[in-house]
C-alpha atoms as a PDB file:
ATOM      1  CA  MET A   1       0.000   0.000   0.000  1.00  0.00           C
ATOM      2  CA  ASN A   2       1.308   3.428  -0.926  1.00  0.00           C
ATOM      3  CA  GLU A   3       2.064   5.992   1.744  1.00  0.00           C
ATOM      4  CA  LYS A   4       1.033   8.844  -0.570  1.00  0.00           C
ATOM      5  CA  ILE A   5      -2.392   9.460  -2.042  1.00  0.00           C
ATOM      6  CA  GLN A   6      -2.621   9.863  -5.816  1.00  0.00           C
ATOM      7  CA  TRP A   7      -5.326  12.361  -6.805  1.00  0.00           C
ATOM      8  CA  GLY A   8      -7.271  12.321 -10.040  1.00  0.00           C
ATOM      9  CA  ARG A   9     -10.628  13.278 -11.530  1.00  0.00           C
ATOM     10  CA  GLY A  10     -13.638  10.996 -11.601  1.00  0.00           C
ATOM     11  CA  GLY A  11     -17.270  10.690 -10.672  1.00  0.00           C
ATOM     12  CA  TRP A  12     -20.259  12.140 -12.409  1.00  0.00           C
ATOM     13  CA  HIS A  13     -19.193  14.539 -15.199  1.00  0.00           C
ATOM     14  CA  ASN A  14     -15.589  14.033 -14.075  1.00  0.00           C
ATOM     15  CA  GLN A  15     -15.991  16.746 -11.396  1.00  0.00           C
ATOM     16  CA  ASP A  16     -14.987  14.782  -8.289  1.00  0.00           C
ATOM     17  CA  GLU A  17     -11.470  14.494  -6.900  1.00  0.00           C
ATOM     18  CA  ILE A  18     -10.663  10.842  -6.257  1.00  0.00           C
ATOM     19  CA  GLY A  19      -7.811   9.899  -3.919  1.00  0.00           C
ATOM     20  CA  SER A  20      -6.342   6.426  -4.391  1.00  0.00           C
ATOM     21  CA  SER A  21      -3.659   4.253  -2.902  1.00  0.00           C
ATOM     22  CA  GLY A  22      -2.704   1.792  -5.599  1.00  0.00           C
ATOM     23  CA  LYS A  23      -5.987   0.363  -6.921  1.00  0.00           C
ATOM     24  CA  TRP A  24      -7.890   1.159  -3.728  1.00  0.00           C
ATOM     25  CA  GLN A  25     -10.034   4.322  -3.844  1.00  0.00           C
ATOM     26  CA  THR A  26      -9.631   5.775  -0.368  1.00  0.00           C
ATOM     27  CA  PHE A  27     -11.055   9.320  -0.585  1.00  0.00           C
ATOM     28  CA  ARG A  28     -13.567  11.284  -2.639  1.00  0.00           C
ATOM     29  CA  ILE A  29     -14.125  15.044  -2.655  1.00  0.00           C
ATOM     30  CA  TYR A  30     -17.345  16.207  -4.272  1.00  0.00           C
ATOM     31  CA  TYR A  31     -19.507  19.312  -4.489  1.00  0.00           C
ATOM     32  CA  ASP A  32     -22.641  19.425  -2.354  1.00  0.00           C
ATOM     33  CA  GLY A  33     -25.101  20.920  -4.816  1.00  0.00           C
ATOM     34  CA  VAL A  34     -28.052  20.793  -2.433  1.00  0.00           C
ATOM     35  CA  SER A  35     -26.817  22.679   0.632  1.00  0.00           C
ATOM     36  CA  GLY A  36     -23.228  23.475  -0.362  1.00  0.00           C
ATOM     37  CA  SER A  37     -23.663  27.155  -1.109  1.00  0.00           C
ATOM     38  CA  LYS A  38     -25.624  27.669   2.122  1.00  0.00           C
ATOM     39  CA  ASN A  39     -23.289  25.681   4.378  1.00  0.00           C
ATOM     40  CA  GLU A  40     -20.953  27.885   6.440  1.00  0.00           C
ATOM     41  CA  ALA A  41     -18.204  25.244   6.480  1.00  0.00           C
ATOM     42  CA  GLY A  42     -18.113  25.153   2.665  1.00  0.00           C
ATOM     43  CA  PRO A  43     -19.561  23.389  -0.358  1.00  0.00           C
ATOM     44  CA  TRP A  44     -17.040  20.514  -0.727  1.00  0.00           C
ATOM     45  CA  ILE A  45     -17.601  17.181   1.041  1.00  0.00           C
ATOM     46  CA  LEU A  46     -14.783  14.767   1.879  1.00  0.00           C
ATOM     47  CA  SER A  47     -15.719  11.103   2.192  1.00  0.00           C
ATOM     48  CA  THR A  48     -13.672   7.955   2.732  1.00  0.00           C
ATOM     49  CA  SER A  49     -13.932   4.194   2.485  1.00  0.00           C
ATOM     50  CA  LEU A  50     -11.270   3.463   5.116  1.00  0.00           C
ATOM     51  CA  PRO A  51     -12.359   0.783   7.599  1.00  0.00           C
ATOM     52  CA  GLY A  52     -12.983   2.065  11.110  1.00  0.00           C
ATOM     53  CA  ILE A  53     -13.587   5.685  10.048  1.00  0.00           C
ATOM     54  CA  LYS A  54     -16.966   7.278   9.397  1.00  0.00           C
ATOM     55  CA  SER A  55     -17.668   7.693   5.696  1.00  0.00           C
ATOM     56  CA  GLU A  56     -18.477  11.426   5.521  1.00  0.00           C
ATOM     57  CA  LEU A  57     -15.710  13.546   7.035  1.00  0.00           C
ATOM     58  CA  GLY A  58     -17.241  16.983   6.678  1.00  0.00           C
ATOM     59  CA  HIS A  59     -17.639  20.103   4.536  1.00  0.00           C
ATOM     60  CA  PHE A  60     -14.705  22.242   3.387  1.00  0.00           C
ATOM     61  CA  LYS A  61     -14.385  25.674   1.754  1.00  0.00           C
ATOM     62  CA  ASP A  62     -12.077  24.435  -1.014  1.00  0.00           C
ATOM     63  CA  ILE A  63     -10.626  21.250  -2.475  1.00  0.00           C
ATOM     64  CA  GLU A  64      -7.082  21.907  -1.233  1.00  0.00           C
ATOM     65  CA  THR A  65      -8.219  22.090   2.407  1.00  0.00           C
ATOM     66  CA  ALA A  66     -10.134  18.827   1.986  1.00  0.00           C
ATOM     67  CA  LYS A  67      -7.054  17.188   0.412  1.00  0.00           C
ATOM     68  CA  ALA A  68      -4.896  18.311   3.341  1.00  0.00           C
ATOM     69  CA  LYS A  69      -7.379  16.720   5.766  1.00  0.00           C
ATOM     70  CA  ALA A  70      -7.370  13.519   3.696  1.00  0.00           C
ATOM     71  CA  GLU A  71      -3.544  13.360   3.677  1.00  0.00           C
ATOM     72  CA  PHE A  72      -3.456  13.834   7.447  1.00  0.00           C
ATOM     73  CA  LEU A  73      -6.102  11.182   7.995  1.00  0.00           C
ATOM     74  CA  TRP A  74      -4.331   8.746   5.629  1.00  0.00           C
ATOM     75  CA  LYS A  75      -1.056   9.026   7.579  1.00  0.00           C
ATOM     76  CA  TYR A  76      -2.929   8.630  10.874  1.00  0.00           C
ATOM     77  CA  TRP A  77      -4.812   5.573   9.600  1.00  0.00           C
ATOM     78  CA  LEU A  78      -1.622   3.924   8.306  1.00  0.00           C
ATOM     79  CA  GLU A  79       0.080   4.537  11.647  1.00  0.00           C
ATOM     80  CA  LYS A  80      -2.822   3.008  13.607  1.00  0.00           C
ATOM     81  CA  ALA A  81      -3.196   0.093  11.169  1.00  0.00           C
ATOM     82  CA  GLY A  82       0.476  -0.780  11.588  1.00  0.00           C
ATOM     83  CA  LYS A  83       1.275  -0.120   7.916  1.00  0.00           C
END
């Protein structure tokens, strides 16, 4: 398993940011079109498929902030999982 997340585009209309480790999709950042513009925290949602962590990790103002949170969480998860 890689220690760094590779980011690419995917999802509906190729608008989502998909974070992968090898073939395993670990994170997804997508726009919340329903309440995103009204949400004070921001319109971008970060979600994960990592075992032991809740799937939706919150709203963010921009993609870069969400990616930073994902990178932090990935390192934390690897540390706790024993790599």
